[in-house]
């Protein structure tokens, strides 16, 4: 991957770099820090798909004349970018349940445990 990366960057290709939000080994962290690139972090495949789709649509719109895009193509890509922006602006609901280990306190301080 390093050779391909160097060729793309030296050839003036636009870099889109993604990395999963997680704990990395010391050697992986070193590798991530070696490349001078703005990494876009993601947590789930759906989030990666949204980021990549948005970025590719923008690249196509920026170079539309070069690619010979027709008006219908441009309108479709513009709609895709706007839809992704609106979806990204909505705050995801990160609440999670207690599962089978929850403890519920009723009114008056009475404790009720979930026996599962």
N, C-alpha and C. Protein backbone atom coordinates (compact mmCIF):
# COMPACT_ATOMS: atom_id res chain seq x y z
N UNK A 1 0.82 -1.19 0.00
CA UNK A 1 0.00 0.00 0.00
C UNK A 1 0.87 1.26 0.00
N UNK A 2 2.03 1.20 0.62
CA UNK A 2 2.90 2.37 0.69
C UNK A 2 3.34 2.85 -0.67
N UNK A 3 3.70 1.92 -1.56
CA UNK A 3 4.13 2.28 -2.92
C UNK A 3 2.98 2.95 -3.68
N UNK A 4 1.82 2.37 -3.59
CA UNK A 4 0.65 2.94 -4.27
C UNK A 4 0.35 4.34 -3.74
N UNK A 5 0.46 4.49 -2.42
CA UNK A 5 0.21 5.79 -1.79
C UNK A 5 1.18 6.83 -2.31
N UNK A 6 2.46 6.51 -2.31
CA UNK A 6 3.48 7.46 -2.77
C UNK A 6 3.27 7.84 -4.24
N UNK A 7 2.92 6.87 -5.07
CA UNK A 7 2.68 7.17 -6.50
C UNK A 7 1.48 8.09 -6.67
N UNK A 8 0.43 7.84 -5.95
CA UNK A 8 -0.78 8.67 -6.06
C UNK A 8 -0.48 10.09 -5.62
N UNK A 9 0.18 10.24 -4.48
CA UNK A 9 0.47 11.57 -3.97
C UNK A 9 1.44 12.31 -4.88
N UNK A 10 2.48 11.63 -5.36
CA UNK A 10 3.44 12.29 -6.25
C UNK A 10 2.81 12.62 -7.61
N UNK A 11 1.78 11.89 -8.00
CA UNK A 11 1.08 12.14 -9.25
C UNK A 11 -0.01 13.19 -9.13
N UNK A 12 -0.14 13.79 -7.94
CA UNK A 12 -1.12 14.86 -7.75
C UNK A 12 -2.54 14.36 -7.55
N UNK A 13 -2.70 13.10 -7.18
CA UNK A 13 -4.04 12.55 -6.95
C UNK A 13 -4.57 13.06 -5.62
N UNK A 14 -5.85 13.27 -5.56
CA UNK A 14 -6.48 13.71 -4.32
C UNK A 14 -6.58 12.52 -3.36
N UNK A 15 -6.15 12.73 -2.14
CA UNK A 15 -6.14 11.64 -1.17
C UNK A 15 -7.38 11.68 -0.29
N UNK A 16 -8.02 10.54 -0.19
CA UNK A 16 -9.13 10.35 0.73
C UNK A 16 -8.71 9.25 1.68
N UNK A 17 -8.45 9.60 2.92
CA UNK A 17 -7.92 8.64 3.88
C UNK A 17 -8.90 8.43 5.03
N UNK A 18 -9.24 7.19 5.29
CA UNK A 18 -10.19 6.84 6.33
C UNK A 18 -9.55 5.86 7.30
N UNK A 19 -9.91 6.00 8.57
CA UNK A 19 -9.45 5.04 9.57
C UNK A 19 -10.55 4.84 10.60
N UNK A 20 -10.65 3.61 11.04
CA UNK A 20 -11.68 3.29 12.03
C UNK A 20 -11.28 3.81 13.40
N UNK A 21 -12.25 4.37 14.12
CA UNK A 21 -12.03 4.85 15.48
C UNK A 21 -11.87 3.64 16.39
N UNK A 22 -10.66 3.41 16.85
CA UNK A 22 -10.38 2.27 17.70
C UNK A 22 -9.00 2.44 18.31
N UNK A 23 -8.62 1.53 19.16
CA UNK A 23 -7.28 1.55 19.73
C UNK A 23 -6.34 0.83 18.76
N UNK A 24 -5.22 1.47 18.46
CA UNK A 24 -4.25 0.88 17.54
C UNK A 24 -3.00 0.47 18.30
N UNK A 25 -2.30 -0.49 17.74
CA UNK A 25 -1.03 -0.91 18.32
C UNK A 25 -0.03 0.24 18.14
N UNK A 26 1.03 0.24 18.90
CA UNK A 26 2.05 1.30 18.74
C UNK A 26 2.60 1.38 17.32
N UNK A 27 2.81 0.23 16.67
CA UNK A 27 3.35 0.27 15.31
C UNK A 27 2.33 0.84 14.32
N UNK A 28 1.06 0.51 14.51
CA UNK A 28 0.02 1.07 13.63
C UNK A 28 -0.12 2.57 13.84
N UNK A 29 -0.06 3.02 15.09
CA UNK A 29 -0.12 4.46 15.36
C UNK A 29 1.05 5.18 14.70
N UNK A 30 2.21 4.55 14.74
CA UNK A 30 3.38 5.15 14.09
C UNK A 30 3.17 5.28 12.60
N UNK A 31 2.62 4.26 11.98
CA UNK A 31 2.36 4.29 10.54
C UNK A 31 1.34 5.36 10.19
N UNK A 32 0.27 5.44 10.98
CA UNK A 32 -0.75 6.46 10.73
C UNK A 32 -0.18 7.87 10.84
N UNK A 33 0.78 8.05 11.73
CA UNK A 33 1.38 9.36 11.92
C UNK A 33 2.42 9.72 10.87
N UNK A 34 2.95 8.73 10.17
CA UNK A 34 3.99 8.97 9.17
C UNK A 34 3.45 9.71 7.94
N UNK A 35 2.25 9.40 7.56
CA UNK A 35 1.69 9.98 6.34
C UNK A 35 1.07 11.33 6.66
N UNK A 36 1.42 12.30 5.85
CA UNK A 36 0.90 13.65 6.02
C UNK A 36 -0.44 13.75 5.31
N UNK A 37 -1.48 13.33 6.02
CA UNK A 37 -2.81 13.30 5.44
C UNK A 37 -3.83 13.58 6.54
N UNK A 38 -4.93 14.16 6.15
CA UNK A 38 -6.03 14.39 7.10
C UNK A 38 -6.91 13.15 7.11
N UNK A 39 -6.78 12.36 8.17
CA UNK A 39 -7.56 11.14 8.30
C UNK A 39 -9.00 11.48 8.69
N UNK A 40 -9.95 10.80 8.09
CA UNK A 40 -11.35 10.91 8.48
C UNK A 40 -11.68 9.65 9.26
N UNK A 41 -12.05 9.83 10.50
CA UNK A 41 -12.35 8.69 11.36
C UNK A 41 -13.81 8.28 11.21
N UNK A 42 -14.06 6.99 11.35
CA UNK A 42 -15.42 6.47 11.30
C UNK A 42 -15.54 5.34 12.33
N UNK A 43 -16.77 5.04 12.72
CA UNK A 43 -17.02 3.99 13.70
C UNK A 43 -17.63 2.75 13.08
N UNK A 44 -18.51 2.92 12.12
CA UNK A 44 -19.25 1.79 11.55
C UNK A 44 -19.19 1.86 10.03
N UNK A 45 -19.39 0.72 9.36
CA UNK A 45 -19.37 0.71 7.89
C UNK A 45 -20.34 1.71 7.27
N UNK A 46 -21.50 1.89 7.89
CA UNK A 46 -22.48 2.85 7.36
C UNK A 46 -21.92 4.27 7.35
N UNK A 47 -21.18 4.61 8.40
CA UNK A 47 -20.57 5.94 8.50
C UNK A 47 -19.47 6.10 7.45
N UNK A 48 -18.67 5.04 7.25
CA UNK A 48 -17.64 5.07 6.21
C UNK A 48 -18.27 5.26 4.83
N UNK A 49 -19.33 4.54 4.57
CA UNK A 49 -20.02 4.67 3.29
C UNK A 49 -20.51 6.09 3.06
N UNK A 50 -21.08 6.70 4.09
CA UNK A 50 -21.58 8.08 3.96
C UNK A 50 -20.44 9.05 3.68
N UNK A 51 -19.33 8.92 4.43
CA UNK A 51 -18.17 9.80 4.21
C UNK A 51 -17.60 9.64 2.80
N UNK A 52 -17.41 8.39 2.39
CA UNK A 52 -16.80 8.13 1.08
C UNK A 52 -17.72 8.58 -0.06
N UNK A 53 -19.01 8.33 0.07
CA UNK A 53 -19.96 8.74 -0.96
C UNK A 53 -19.96 10.25 -1.12
N UNK A 54 -19.98 10.94 0.01
CA UNK A 54 -19.96 12.41 0.01
C UNK A 54 -18.69 12.94 -0.67
N UNK A 55 -17.55 12.38 -0.29
CA UNK A 55 -16.27 12.84 -0.83
C UNK A 55 -16.17 12.57 -2.33
N UNK A 56 -16.58 11.39 -2.76
CA UNK A 56 -16.51 11.06 -4.19
C UNK A 56 -17.47 11.92 -5.01
N UNK A 57 -18.65 12.18 -4.47
CA UNK A 57 -19.60 13.05 -5.18
C UNK A 57 -19.01 14.45 -5.34
N UNK A 58 -18.34 14.95 -4.31
CA UNK A 58 -17.72 16.28 -4.40
C UNK A 58 -16.59 16.30 -5.43
N UNK A 59 -15.79 15.25 -5.45
CA UNK A 59 -14.70 15.17 -6.44
C UNK A 59 -15.29 15.18 -7.85
N UNK A 60 -16.32 14.40 -8.06
CA UNK A 60 -16.95 14.36 -9.39
C UNK A 60 -17.53 15.72 -9.77
N UNK A 61 -18.16 16.40 -8.81
CA UNK A 61 -18.70 17.72 -9.10
C UNK A 61 -17.59 18.73 -9.39
N UNK A 62 -16.49 18.66 -8.64
CA UNK A 62 -15.38 19.58 -8.85
C UNK A 62 -14.75 19.41 -10.23
N UNK A 63 -14.78 18.18 -10.75
CA UNK A 63 -14.12 17.90 -12.03
C UNK A 63 -15.13 17.47 -13.09
N UNK A 64 -16.36 17.94 -12.95
CA UNK A 64 -17.44 17.54 -13.84
C UNK A 64 -17.18 17.76 -15.32
N UNK A 65 -16.60 18.91 -15.66
CA UNK A 65 -16.32 19.19 -17.07
C UNK A 65 -15.28 18.22 -17.62
N UNK A 66 -14.28 17.95 -16.83
CA UNK A 66 -13.23 17.02 -17.24
C UNK A 66 -13.78 15.62 -17.51
N UNK A 67 -14.76 15.22 -16.70
CA UNK A 67 -15.37 13.90 -16.86
C UNK A 67 -16.52 13.90 -17.87
N UNK A 68 -16.91 15.07 -18.32
CA UNK A 68 -18.00 15.17 -19.28
C UNK A 68 -19.37 14.86 -18.68
N UNK A 69 -19.57 15.31 -17.45
CA UNK A 69 -20.85 15.05 -16.80
C UNK A 69 -21.97 15.85 -17.46
N UNK A 70 -23.11 15.23 -17.59
CA UNK A 70 -24.28 15.91 -18.13
C UNK A 70 -25.05 16.56 -16.98
N UNK A 71 -25.99 17.42 -17.31
CA UNK A 71 -26.77 18.14 -16.32
C UNK A 71 -27.48 17.18 -15.36
N UNK A 72 -28.03 16.10 -15.88
CA UNK A 72 -28.70 15.11 -15.03
C UNK A 72 -27.73 14.52 -14.01
N UNK A 73 -26.48 14.27 -14.44
CA UNK A 73 -25.46 13.73 -13.53
C UNK A 73 -25.15 14.73 -12.41
N UNK A 74 -24.98 15.98 -12.82
CA UNK A 74 -24.66 17.03 -11.84
C UNK A 74 -25.80 17.20 -10.85
N UNK A 75 -27.03 17.22 -11.33
CA UNK A 75 -28.18 17.36 -10.43
C UNK A 75 -28.27 16.19 -9.46
N UNK A 76 -28.03 14.98 -9.95
CA UNK A 76 -28.07 13.80 -9.08
C UNK A 76 -26.99 13.86 -8.01
N UNK A 77 -25.78 14.24 -8.40
CA UNK A 77 -24.68 14.34 -7.44
C UNK A 77 -24.93 15.46 -6.43
N UNK A 78 -25.46 16.58 -6.89
CA UNK A 78 -25.76 17.69 -6.00
C UNK A 78 -26.82 17.27 -4.99
N UNK A 79 -27.84 16.57 -5.44
CA UNK A 79 -28.87 16.06 -4.53
C UNK A 79 -28.30 15.08 -3.52
N UNK A 80 -27.37 14.26 -3.95
CA UNK A 80 -26.72 13.30 -3.06
C UNK A 80 -25.91 14.01 -1.99
N UNK A 81 -25.17 15.04 -2.39
CA UNK A 81 -24.36 15.80 -1.43
C UNK A 81 -25.26 16.48 -0.41
N UNK A 82 -26.34 17.10 -0.87
CA UNK A 82 -27.26 17.78 0.05
C UNK A 82 -27.92 16.79 1.00
N UNK A 83 -28.33 15.63 0.50
CA UNK A 83 -28.98 14.63 1.34
C UNK A 83 -28.01 14.11 2.40
N UNK A 84 -26.77 13.88 2.02
CA UNK A 84 -25.77 13.39 2.97
C UNK A 84 -25.45 14.46 4.01
N UNK A 85 -25.40 15.73 3.60
CA UNK A 85 -25.12 16.81 4.54
C UNK A 85 -26.24 16.91 5.57
N UNK A 86 -27.49 16.80 5.12
CA UNK A 86 -28.63 16.88 6.03
C UNK A 86 -28.62 15.71 7.00
N UNK A 87 -28.31 14.52 6.50
CA UNK A 87 -28.27 13.33 7.35
C UNK A 87 -27.14 13.42 8.36
N UNK A 88 -26.01 13.96 7.94
CA UNK A 88 -24.85 14.08 8.84
C UNK A 88 -25.09 15.12 9.92
N UNK A 89 -25.91 16.13 9.63
CA UNK A 89 -26.15 17.18 10.61
C UNK A 89 -27.07 16.73 11.73
N UNK A 90 -27.81 15.66 11.52
CA UNK A 90 -28.68 15.13 12.57
C UNK A 90 -27.83 14.39 13.59
N UNK A 91 -28.02 14.73 14.85
CA UNK A 91 -27.25 14.12 15.93
C UNK A 91 -27.72 12.68 16.13
N UNK A 92 -26.80 11.70 16.06
CA UNK A 92 -27.22 10.32 16.27
C UNK A 92 -27.59 10.08 17.74
N UNK A 93 -28.55 9.20 17.96
CA UNK A 93 -28.98 8.86 19.30
C UNK A 93 -28.05 7.78 19.83
N UNK A 94 -27.20 8.14 20.80
CA UNK A 94 -26.21 7.20 21.32
C UNK A 94 -26.64 6.55 22.64
N UNK A 95 -27.92 6.69 23.00
CA UNK A 95 -28.38 6.06 24.23
C UNK A 95 -28.36 4.55 24.07
N UNK A 96 -27.98 3.89 25.14
CA UNK A 96 -27.96 2.43 25.12
C UNK A 96 -28.65 1.93 26.38
N UNK A 97 -29.29 0.82 26.27
CA UNK A 97 -29.97 0.24 27.42
C UNK A 97 -29.00 -0.48 28.35
N UNK A 98 -29.51 -0.82 29.52
CA UNK A 98 -28.70 -1.52 30.51
C UNK A 98 -28.70 -3.02 30.28
N UNK A 99 -29.50 -3.47 29.34
CA UNK A 99 -29.55 -4.90 29.08
C UNK A 99 -30.16 -5.65 30.24
N UNK A 100 -29.65 -6.81 30.56
CA UNK A 100 -30.20 -7.64 31.63
C UNK A 100 -29.64 -7.27 33.00
N UNK A 101 -28.69 -6.36 33.07
CA UNK A 101 -28.08 -6.02 34.34
C UNK A 101 -28.59 -4.73 34.95
N UNK A 102 -29.73 -4.25 34.55
CA UNK A 102 -30.20 -2.95 35.02
C UNK A 102 -30.79 -3.00 36.41
N UNK A 103 -30.64 -1.92 37.12
CA UNK A 103 -31.27 -1.73 38.43
C UNK A 103 -32.15 -0.51 38.32
N UNK A 104 -33.41 -0.66 38.72
CA UNK A 104 -34.38 0.43 38.61
C UNK A 104 -34.79 0.85 40.00
N UNK A 105 -34.77 2.14 40.25
CA UNK A 105 -35.23 2.68 41.52
C UNK A 105 -36.60 3.28 41.30
N UNK A 106 -37.58 2.77 42.03
CA UNK A 106 -38.93 3.29 41.94
C UNK A 106 -39.10 4.50 42.82
N UNK A 107 -40.28 5.04 42.83
CA UNK A 107 -40.58 6.18 43.70
C UNK A 107 -40.43 5.77 45.15
N UNK A 108 -39.94 6.66 45.95
CA UNK A 108 -39.76 6.37 47.36
C UNK A 108 -38.50 5.58 47.66
N UNK A 109 -37.62 5.44 46.66
CA UNK A 109 -36.34 4.79 46.87
C UNK A 109 -36.40 3.29 46.88
N UNK A 110 -37.54 2.70 46.50
CA UNK A 110 -37.66 1.25 46.48
C UNK A 110 -36.88 0.68 45.31
N UNK A 111 -36.00 -0.28 45.59
CA UNK A 111 -35.11 -0.84 44.57
C UNK A 111 -35.75 -2.09 43.95
N UNK A 112 -35.75 -2.13 42.62
CA UNK A 112 -36.30 -3.28 41.90
C UNK A 112 -35.20 -3.77 40.97
N UNK A 113 -34.78 -5.03 41.08
CA UNK A 113 -33.72 -5.56 40.20
C UNK A 113 -34.34 -6.42 39.13
N UNK A 114 -33.73 -6.34 37.97
CA UNK A 114 -34.16 -7.17 36.84
C UNK A 114 -33.54 -8.54 36.99
N UNK A 115 -34.34 -9.54 37.22
CA UNK A 115 -33.83 -10.89 37.42
C UNK A 115 -33.49 -11.60 36.14
N UNK A 116 -33.81 -11.01 34.99
CA UNK A 116 -33.42 -11.51 33.69
C UNK A 116 -34.08 -12.72 33.30
